[in-house]
Amino acid sequence: MLLELDGLAVRRIERQADGSRLARLETADDMARACPSCGVFATRVKVVVRT
């Protein structure tokens, strides 16, 4: 694991203008895309979280 963050996968890493790196992460568990009520899987991203 690159960042040792359980449940996350690195999608890509981008070099920024100042030389730093920006890691784009995604949930590694496919079940996270499923609606907890009906179980239907999402087909697109609905929220992007920045931390």
N, C-alpha and C. Protein backbone atom coordinates (compact mmCIF):
# COMPACT_ATOMS: atom_id res chain seq x y z
N MET A 1 0.84 -1.18 0.00
CA MET A 1 0.00 0.00 0.00
C MET A 1 0.88 1.24 0.00
N LEU A 2 0.64 2.11 -0.92
CA LEU A 2 1.47 3.30 -1.07
C LEU A 2 1.36 4.24 0.12
N LEU A 3 0.14 4.57 0.51
CA LEU A 3 -0.07 5.53 1.60
C LEU A 3 -0.52 4.87 2.89
N GLU A 4 -0.63 3.55 2.90
CA GLU A 4 -1.08 2.79 4.07
C GLU A 4 -2.44 3.27 4.56
N LEU A 5 -3.34 3.57 3.64
CA LEU A 5 -4.71 3.96 3.97
C LEU A 5 -5.62 2.82 3.56
N ASP A 6 -6.03 2.01 4.52
CA ASP A 6 -6.86 0.85 4.25
C ASP A 6 -8.18 1.27 3.61
N GLY A 7 -8.57 0.60 2.54
CA GLY A 7 -9.83 0.88 1.88
C GLY A 7 -9.74 1.90 0.75
N LEU A 8 -8.54 2.47 0.54
CA LEU A 8 -8.36 3.45 -0.54
C LEU A 8 -7.33 2.94 -1.53
N ALA A 9 -7.51 3.32 -2.78
CA ALA A 9 -6.55 2.97 -3.83
C ALA A 9 -6.10 4.26 -4.52
N VAL A 10 -4.84 4.31 -4.90
CA VAL A 10 -4.31 5.47 -5.61
C VAL A 10 -4.76 5.39 -7.06
N ARG A 11 -5.48 6.40 -7.51
CA ARG A 11 -5.95 6.46 -8.90
C ARG A 11 -4.84 7.00 -9.80
N ARG A 12 -4.21 8.09 -9.36
CA ARG A 12 -3.06 8.65 -10.08
C ARG A 12 -2.37 9.66 -9.18
N ILE A 13 -1.13 9.98 -9.53
CA ILE A 13 -0.36 10.99 -8.81
C ILE A 13 0.08 12.03 -9.83
N GLU A 14 -0.17 13.29 -9.49
CA GLU A 14 0.15 14.38 -10.41
C GLU A 14 1.21 15.28 -9.78
N ARG A 15 2.18 15.70 -10.59
CA ARG A 15 3.20 16.66 -10.14
C ARG A 15 2.61 18.05 -10.29
N GLN A 16 2.69 18.84 -9.23
CA GLN A 16 2.15 20.20 -9.23
C GLN A 16 3.23 21.19 -9.67
N ALA A 17 2.82 22.41 -9.99
CA ALA A 17 3.75 23.44 -10.46
C ALA A 17 4.85 23.75 -9.45
N ASP A 18 4.53 23.63 -8.16
CA ASP A 18 5.52 23.92 -7.12
C ASP A 18 6.42 22.73 -6.80
N GLY A 19 6.27 21.62 -7.54
CA GLY A 19 7.10 20.44 -7.33
C GLY A 19 6.48 19.41 -6.40
N SER A 20 5.41 19.77 -5.72
CA SER A 20 4.75 18.80 -4.83
C SER A 20 3.94 17.81 -5.65
N ARG A 21 3.45 16.78 -5.00
CA ARG A 21 2.65 15.76 -5.68
C ARG A 21 1.24 15.76 -5.12
N LEU A 22 0.27 15.57 -5.99
CA LEU A 22 -1.13 15.46 -5.60
C LEU A 22 -1.58 14.04 -5.90
N ALA A 23 -1.99 13.31 -4.86
CA ALA A 23 -2.46 11.94 -5.02
C ALA A 23 -3.97 11.93 -5.17
N ARG A 24 -4.46 11.35 -6.23
CA ARG A 24 -5.90 11.19 -6.47
C ARG A 24 -6.26 9.78 -6.00
N LEU A 25 -7.14 9.69 -5.02
CA LEU A 25 -7.50 8.41 -4.42
C LEU A 25 -8.94 8.06 -4.73
N GLU A 26 -9.26 6.78 -4.62
CA GLU A 26 -10.64 6.33 -4.77
C GLU A 26 -10.88 5.19 -3.79
N THR A 27 -12.14 4.95 -3.49
CA THR A 27 -12.51 3.86 -2.60
C THR A 27 -12.18 2.54 -3.28
N ALA A 28 -11.48 1.68 -2.57
CA ALA A 28 -11.05 0.41 -3.14
C ALA A 28 -12.17 -0.64 -3.15
N ASP A 29 -13.16 -0.48 -2.30
CA ASP A 29 -14.26 -1.45 -2.18
C ASP A 29 -15.38 -1.10 -3.16
N ASP A 30 -15.63 -1.96 -4.13
CA ASP A 30 -16.70 -1.71 -5.11
C ASP A 30 -18.08 -1.60 -4.46
N MET A 31 -18.28 -2.22 -3.32
CA MET A 31 -19.58 -2.16 -2.64
C MET A 31 -19.88 -0.74 -2.15
N ALA A 32 -18.88 0.12 -2.05
CA ALA A 32 -19.11 1.50 -1.62
C ALA A 32 -19.94 2.27 -2.65
N ARG A 33 -20.00 1.78 -3.89
CA ARG A 33 -20.81 2.42 -4.93
C ARG A 33 -22.28 2.03 -4.86
N ALA A 34 -22.60 1.04 -4.03
CA ALA A 34 -23.98 0.55 -3.97
C ALA A 34 -24.81 1.37 -2.98
N CYS A 35 -26.06 1.63 -3.35
CA CYS A 35 -26.99 2.33 -2.48
C CYS A 35 -27.27 1.45 -1.26
N PRO A 36 -27.15 1.99 -0.05
CA PRO A 36 -27.39 1.17 1.13
C PRO A 36 -28.85 0.72 1.27
N SER A 37 -29.76 1.43 0.64
CA SER A 37 -31.19 1.08 0.74
C SER A 37 -31.60 0.00 -0.26
N CYS A 38 -31.25 0.21 -1.55
CA CYS A 38 -31.75 -0.70 -2.58
C CYS A 38 -30.67 -1.59 -3.20
N GLY A 39 -29.38 -1.24 -2.98
CA GLY A 39 -28.29 -2.06 -3.51
C GLY A 39 -27.91 -1.78 -4.95
N VAL A 40 -28.56 -0.81 -5.60
CA VAL A 40 -28.23 -0.46 -6.99
C VAL A 40 -26.89 0.26 -7.02
N PHE A 41 -26.04 -0.11 -7.98
CA PHE A 41 -24.71 0.49 -8.09
C PHE A 41 -24.77 1.81 -8.85
N ALA A 42 -24.00 2.80 -8.38
CA ALA A 42 -23.90 4.09 -9.04
C ALA A 42 -23.12 3.92 -10.34
N THR A 43 -23.47 4.72 -11.34
CA THR A 43 -22.77 4.65 -12.62
C THR A 43 -21.87 5.86 -12.85
N ARG A 44 -21.93 6.84 -11.95
CA ARG A 44 -21.08 8.03 -12.09
C ARG A 44 -20.72 8.56 -10.71
N VAL A 45 -19.69 9.39 -10.66
CA VAL A 45 -19.27 10.03 -9.41
C VAL A 45 -20.26 11.13 -9.08
N LYS A 46 -20.71 11.18 -7.85
CA LYS A 46 -21.68 12.20 -7.43
C LYS A 46 -21.06 13.22 -6.49
N VAL A 47 -19.98 12.85 -5.81
CA VAL A 47 -19.34 13.74 -4.85
C VAL A 47 -17.83 13.55 -4.94
N VAL A 48 -17.11 14.64 -4.92
CA VAL A 48 -15.66 14.61 -4.82
C VAL A 48 -15.30 15.28 -3.50
N VAL A 49 -14.56 14.57 -2.66
CA VAL A 49 -14.19 15.09 -1.34
C VAL A 49 -12.74 15.54 -1.39
N ARG A 50 -12.50 16.75 -0.93
CA ARG A 50 -11.13 17.27 -0.85
C ARG A 50 -10.75 17.42 0.61
N THR A 51 -9.58 16.92 0.95
CA THR A 51 -9.09 17.06 2.32
C THR A 51 -7.71 17.64 2.32
